[in-house]
Amino acid sequence: ASGEFIVKSDVPKNTNSIDSSLTGGPFILNMQNPAAGTMHIQIVNTLGQIVYEGDADVIRYPQLIIDVPDLAPGLYFVYGKVGYDFVKQKIMVVR
């Protein structure tokens, strides 16, 4: 035995989804099979302004609850950098 092992997964690397609240309440970012232990998150409005930024431990907390109560109604992009990879989602806030 060489002491090596291989882990195979049916879940693609950095699979993610967002469960959002249209009223601007907290939303949940679900992360599966992350490429690294930490994800750098940015929420950006349609003007390109960063309205939220932070880091999260996606190994220990694969479901991240993000609460940004001051978001104005509109479309936002959620960008995540995981290792050398990037993920992107859209959220809509309606009041």
N, C-alpha and C. Protein backbone atom coordinates (compact mmCIF):
# COMPACT_ATOMS: atom_id res chain seq x y z
N ALA A 1 0.84 -1.19 0.00
CA ALA A 1 0.00 0.00 0.00
C ALA A 1 0.88 1.24 0.00
N SER A 2 0.54 2.19 -0.84
CA SER A 2 1.36 3.40 -0.98
C SER A 2 1.00 4.48 0.02
N GLY A 3 -0.10 4.33 0.76
CA GLY A 3 -0.51 5.35 1.72
C GLY A 3 -1.27 6.49 1.08
N GLU A 4 -1.56 6.40 -0.21
CA GLU A 4 -2.32 7.44 -0.90
C GLU A 4 -3.76 6.99 -1.06
N PHE A 5 -4.65 7.96 -1.10
CA PHE A 5 -6.04 7.65 -1.39
C PHE A 5 -6.63 8.76 -2.23
N ILE A 6 -7.65 8.43 -2.97
CA ILE A 6 -8.30 9.39 -3.86
C ILE A 6 -9.76 9.51 -3.43
N VAL A 7 -10.22 10.75 -3.32
CA VAL A 7 -11.62 11.00 -2.99
C VAL A 7 -12.32 11.44 -4.27
N LYS A 8 -13.35 10.71 -4.65
CA LYS A 8 -14.13 11.07 -5.83
C LYS A 8 -15.48 11.58 -5.37
N SER A 9 -15.97 12.59 -6.06
CA SER A 9 -17.25 13.19 -5.69
C SER A 9 -18.10 13.36 -6.94
N ASP A 10 -19.40 13.10 -6.79
CA ASP A 10 -20.34 13.35 -7.87
C ASP A 10 -20.74 14.82 -7.93
N VAL A 11 -20.39 15.57 -6.88
CA VAL A 11 -20.73 16.99 -6.82
C VAL A 11 -19.57 17.78 -7.43
N PRO A 12 -19.82 18.57 -8.48
CA PRO A 12 -18.74 19.37 -9.07
C PRO A 12 -18.14 20.35 -8.06
N LYS A 13 -16.89 20.66 -8.26
CA LYS A 13 -16.18 21.59 -7.37
C LYS A 13 -16.89 22.94 -7.33
N ASN A 14 -17.01 23.50 -6.15
CA ASN A 14 -17.59 24.83 -5.92
C ASN A 14 -19.05 24.96 -6.35
N THR A 15 -19.81 23.89 -6.18
CA THR A 15 -21.24 23.95 -6.47
C THR A 15 -21.89 24.86 -5.43
N ASN A 16 -22.70 25.83 -5.89
CA ASN A 16 -23.29 26.77 -4.95
C ASN A 16 -24.69 27.15 -5.39
N SER A 17 -25.46 27.60 -4.41
CA SER A 17 -26.80 28.10 -4.68
C SER A 17 -27.14 29.13 -3.61
N ILE A 18 -28.14 29.94 -3.90
CA ILE A 18 -28.57 30.95 -2.94
C ILE A 18 -30.06 30.80 -2.70
N ASP A 19 -30.42 30.76 -1.43
CA ASP A 19 -31.82 30.83 -1.01
C ASP A 19 -32.01 32.25 -0.50
N SER A 20 -32.73 33.07 -1.27
CA SER A 20 -32.82 34.47 -0.90
C SER A 20 -34.21 34.86 -0.45
N SER A 21 -34.25 35.95 0.28
CA SER A 21 -35.48 36.56 0.73
C SER A 21 -35.69 37.81 -0.11
N LEU A 22 -36.79 37.87 -0.84
CA LEU A 22 -37.05 39.03 -1.70
C LEU A 22 -37.25 40.32 -0.92
N THR A 23 -37.50 40.20 0.38
CA THR A 23 -37.76 41.38 1.18
C THR A 23 -36.49 42.03 1.71
N GLY A 24 -35.35 41.50 1.33
CA GLY A 24 -34.09 42.08 1.78
C GLY A 24 -33.59 41.50 3.08
N GLY A 25 -34.26 40.47 3.59
CA GLY A 25 -33.80 39.81 4.81
C GLY A 25 -32.57 38.96 4.52
N PRO A 26 -32.13 38.18 5.50
CA PRO A 26 -30.94 37.35 5.30
C PRO A 26 -31.14 36.37 4.15
N PHE A 27 -30.06 36.06 3.47
CA PHE A 27 -30.12 35.00 2.48
C PHE A 27 -29.06 33.96 2.82
N ILE A 28 -29.25 32.77 2.29
CA ILE A 28 -28.36 31.65 2.61
C ILE A 28 -27.59 31.26 1.36
N LEU A 29 -26.28 31.26 1.48
CA LEU A 29 -25.40 30.80 0.41
C LEU A 29 -24.98 29.38 0.76
N ASN A 30 -25.37 28.43 -0.07
CA ASN A 30 -25.03 27.02 0.13
C ASN A 30 -23.82 26.67 -0.73
N MET A 31 -22.81 26.08 -0.12
CA MET A 31 -21.58 25.75 -0.85
C MET A 31 -21.29 24.27 -0.67
N GLN A 32 -21.06 23.57 -1.79
CA GLN A 32 -20.70 22.16 -1.74
C GLN A 32 -19.39 21.94 -2.46
N ASN A 33 -18.58 21.05 -1.91
CA ASN A 33 -17.32 20.66 -2.51
C ASN A 33 -16.42 21.86 -2.83
N PRO A 34 -16.15 22.71 -1.82
CA PRO A 34 -15.33 23.90 -2.08
C PRO A 34 -13.88 23.55 -2.42
N ALA A 35 -13.27 24.39 -3.26
CA ALA A 35 -11.89 24.17 -3.68
C ALA A 35 -10.89 24.59 -2.60
N ALA A 36 -11.34 25.37 -1.63
CA ALA A 36 -10.47 25.82 -0.54
C ALA A 36 -11.33 25.99 0.71
N GLY A 37 -10.69 26.20 1.84
CA GLY A 37 -11.41 26.30 3.09
C GLY A 37 -12.09 27.64 3.34
N THR A 38 -11.60 28.68 2.68
CA THR A 38 -12.15 30.01 2.88
C THR A 38 -12.66 30.59 1.57
N MET A 39 -13.78 31.27 1.65
CA MET A 39 -14.32 31.96 0.48
C MET A 39 -14.41 33.44 0.79
N HIS A 40 -13.89 34.25 -0.13
CA HIS A 40 -14.01 35.70 -0.02
C HIS A 40 -15.27 36.10 -0.77
N ILE A 41 -16.19 36.78 -0.10
CA ILE A 41 -17.49 37.10 -0.67
C ILE A 41 -17.62 38.61 -0.87
N GLN A 42 -18.17 38.99 -2.02
CA GLN A 42 -18.51 40.38 -2.29
C GLN A 42 -19.93 40.42 -2.85
N ILE A 43 -20.72 41.37 -2.36
CA ILE A 43 -22.01 41.65 -2.95
C ILE A 43 -21.88 43.00 -3.64
N VAL A 44 -22.19 43.02 -4.94
CA VAL A 44 -21.96 44.19 -5.78
C VAL A 44 -23.27 44.62 -6.42
N ASN A 45 -23.56 45.93 -6.40
CA ASN A 45 -24.78 46.42 -7.04
C ASN A 45 -24.55 46.59 -8.54
N THR A 46 -25.57 47.01 -9.27
CA THR A 46 -25.47 47.13 -10.73
C THR A 46 -24.56 48.28 -11.17
N LEU A 47 -24.19 49.16 -10.24
CA LEU A 47 -23.24 50.23 -10.56
C LEU A 47 -21.79 49.79 -10.34
N GLY A 48 -21.61 48.55 -9.86
CA GLY A 48 -20.27 48.04 -9.60
C GLY A 48 -19.73 48.37 -8.22
N GLN A 49 -20.58 48.91 -7.35
CA GLN A 49 -20.16 49.26 -5.99
C GLN A 49 -20.27 48.05 -5.08
N ILE A 50 -19.24 47.81 -4.29
CA ILE A 50 -19.26 46.71 -3.32
C ILE A 50 -20.07 47.17 -2.12
N VAL A 51 -21.19 46.48 -1.85
CA VAL A 51 -22.05 46.86 -0.73
C VAL A 51 -21.86 45.94 0.47
N TYR A 52 -21.16 44.83 0.28
CA TYR A 52 -20.84 43.92 1.38
C TYR A 52 -19.59 43.15 0.97
N GLU A 53 -18.72 42.90 1.96
CA GLU A 53 -17.51 42.13 1.70
C GLU A 53 -17.12 41.40 2.97
N GLY A 54 -16.71 40.16 2.82
CA GLY A 54 -16.30 39.39 3.99
C GLY A 54 -15.70 38.06 3.59
N ASP A 55 -15.16 37.34 4.58
CA ASP A 55 -14.59 36.02 4.38
C ASP A 55 -15.38 35.01 5.20
N ALA A 56 -15.48 33.78 4.68
CA ALA A 56 -16.24 32.75 5.37
C ALA A 56 -15.51 31.41 5.30
N ASP A 57 -15.61 30.65 6.37
CA ASP A 57 -15.05 29.31 6.45
C ASP A 57 -16.08 28.34 5.86
N VAL A 58 -15.93 27.97 4.59
CA VAL A 58 -16.93 27.15 3.92
C VAL A 58 -16.77 25.65 4.20
N ILE A 59 -15.70 25.27 4.85
CA ILE A 59 -15.56 23.88 5.27
C ILE A 59 -16.40 23.64 6.53
N ARG A 60 -16.23 24.49 7.52
CA ARG A 60 -16.98 24.35 8.77
C ARG A 60 -18.43 24.80 8.64
N TYR A 61 -18.68 25.79 7.79
CA TYR A 61 -20.03 26.35 7.64
C TYR A 61 -20.42 26.39 6.16
N PRO A 62 -20.85 25.25 5.60
CA PRO A 62 -21.20 25.22 4.17
C PRO A 62 -22.49 25.99 3.85
N GLN A 63 -23.28 26.31 4.88
CA GLN A 63 -24.45 27.17 4.68
C GLN A 63 -24.19 28.49 5.38
N LEU A 64 -23.95 29.52 4.60
CA LEU A 64 -23.61 30.82 5.14
C LEU A 64 -24.85 31.69 5.17
N ILE A 65 -25.18 32.23 6.33
CA ILE A 65 -26.30 33.16 6.44
C ILE A 65 -25.71 34.56 6.35
N ILE A 66 -26.11 35.28 5.30
CA ILE A 66 -25.59 36.63 5.07
C ILE A 66 -26.74 37.61 5.24
N ASP A 67 -26.57 38.51 6.17
CA ASP A 67 -27.61 39.49 6.48
C ASP A 67 -27.09 40.89 6.16
N VAL A 68 -27.68 41.50 5.16
CA VAL A 68 -27.33 42.86 4.77
C VAL A 68 -28.64 43.64 4.72
N PRO A 69 -29.13 44.08 5.88
CA PRO A 69 -30.47 44.67 5.96
C PRO A 69 -30.64 46.01 5.25
N ASP A 70 -29.54 46.68 4.94
CA ASP A 70 -29.63 48.02 4.34
C ASP A 70 -29.64 48.01 2.82
N LEU A 71 -29.77 46.84 2.20
CA LEU A 71 -29.77 46.80 0.74
C LEU A 71 -31.03 47.47 0.19
N ALA A 72 -30.82 48.38 -0.76
CA ALA A 72 -31.96 49.01 -1.44
C ALA A 72 -32.54 48.01 -2.43
N PRO A 73 -33.81 48.17 -2.80
CA PRO A 73 -34.38 47.27 -3.80
C PRO A 73 -33.56 47.31 -5.09
N GLY A 74 -33.38 46.15 -5.71
CA GLY A 74 -32.64 46.09 -6.95
C GLY A 74 -31.97 44.75 -7.15
N LEU A 75 -31.15 44.67 -8.18
CA LEU A 75 -30.41 43.48 -8.55
C LEU A 75 -29.00 43.58 -8.00
N TYR A 76 -28.51 42.48 -7.45
CA TYR A 76 -27.16 42.43 -6.90
C TYR A 76 -26.47 41.16 -7.38
N PHE A 77 -25.16 41.21 -7.45
CA PHE A 77 -24.36 40.07 -7.82
C PHE A 77 -23.54 39.64 -6.61
N VAL A 78 -23.53 38.34 -6.35
CA VAL A 78 -22.76 37.79 -5.25
C VAL A 78 -21.57 37.06 -5.88
N TYR A 79 -20.39 37.55 -5.59
CA TYR A 79 -19.16 36.96 -6.11
C TYR A 79 -18.42 36.28 -4.97
N GLY A 80 -17.92 35.09 -5.23
CA GLY A 80 -17.13 34.37 -4.24
C GLY A 80 -15.83 33.89 -4.85
N LYS A 81 -14.73 34.09 -4.15
CA LYS A 81 -13.43 33.56 -4.58
C LYS A 81 -13.07 32.44 -3.63
N VAL A 82 -12.97 31.23 -4.22
CA VAL A 82 -12.65 30.04 -3.44
C VAL A 82 -11.36 29.46 -4.01
N GLY A 83 -10.28 29.61 -3.27
CA GLY A 83 -8.99 29.18 -3.82
C GLY A 83 -8.67 30.00 -5.05
N TYR A 84 -8.46 29.32 -6.17
CA TYR A 84 -8.17 30.01 -7.44
C TYR A 84 -9.43 30.15 -8.30
N ASP A 85 -10.56 29.70 -7.80
CA ASP A 85 -11.80 29.70 -8.58
C ASP A 85 -12.74 30.82 -8.12
N PHE A 86 -13.63 31.19 -9.02
CA PHE A 86 -14.63 32.21 -8.73
C PHE A 86 -16.02 31.63 -8.97
N VAL A 87 -16.96 32.03 -8.14
CA VAL A 87 -18.36 31.65 -8.33
C VAL A 87 -19.19 32.93 -8.35
N LYS A 88 -20.35 32.88 -9.01
CA LYS A 88 -21.17 34.07 -9.13
C LYS A 88 -22.64 33.67 -9.08
N GLN A 89 -23.44 34.48 -8.38
CA GLN A 89 -24.88 34.30 -8.31
C GLN A 89 -25.52 35.69 -8.37
N LYS A 90 -26.82 35.71 -8.69
CA LYS A 90 -27.57 36.98 -8.68
C LYS A 90 -28.65 36.88 -7.61
N ILE A 91 -28.93 38.01 -6.97
CA ILE A 91 -30.06 38.09 -6.05
C ILE A 91 -30.86 39.36 -6.39
N MET A 92 -32.13 39.29 -6.11
CA MET A 92 -33.03 40.44 -6.35
C MET A 92 -33.64 40.79 -5.01
N VAL A 93 -33.61 42.08 -4.68
CA VAL A 93 -34.24 42.57 -3.46
C VAL A 93 -35.43 43.43 -3.86
N VAL A 94 -36.61 43.07 -3.34
CA VAL A 94 -37.85 43.79 -3.60
C VAL A 94 -38.47 44.12 -2.25
N ARG A 95 -39.01 45.30 -2.12
CA ARG A 95 -39.66 45.65 -0.84
C ARG A 95 -41.10 46.03 -1.07
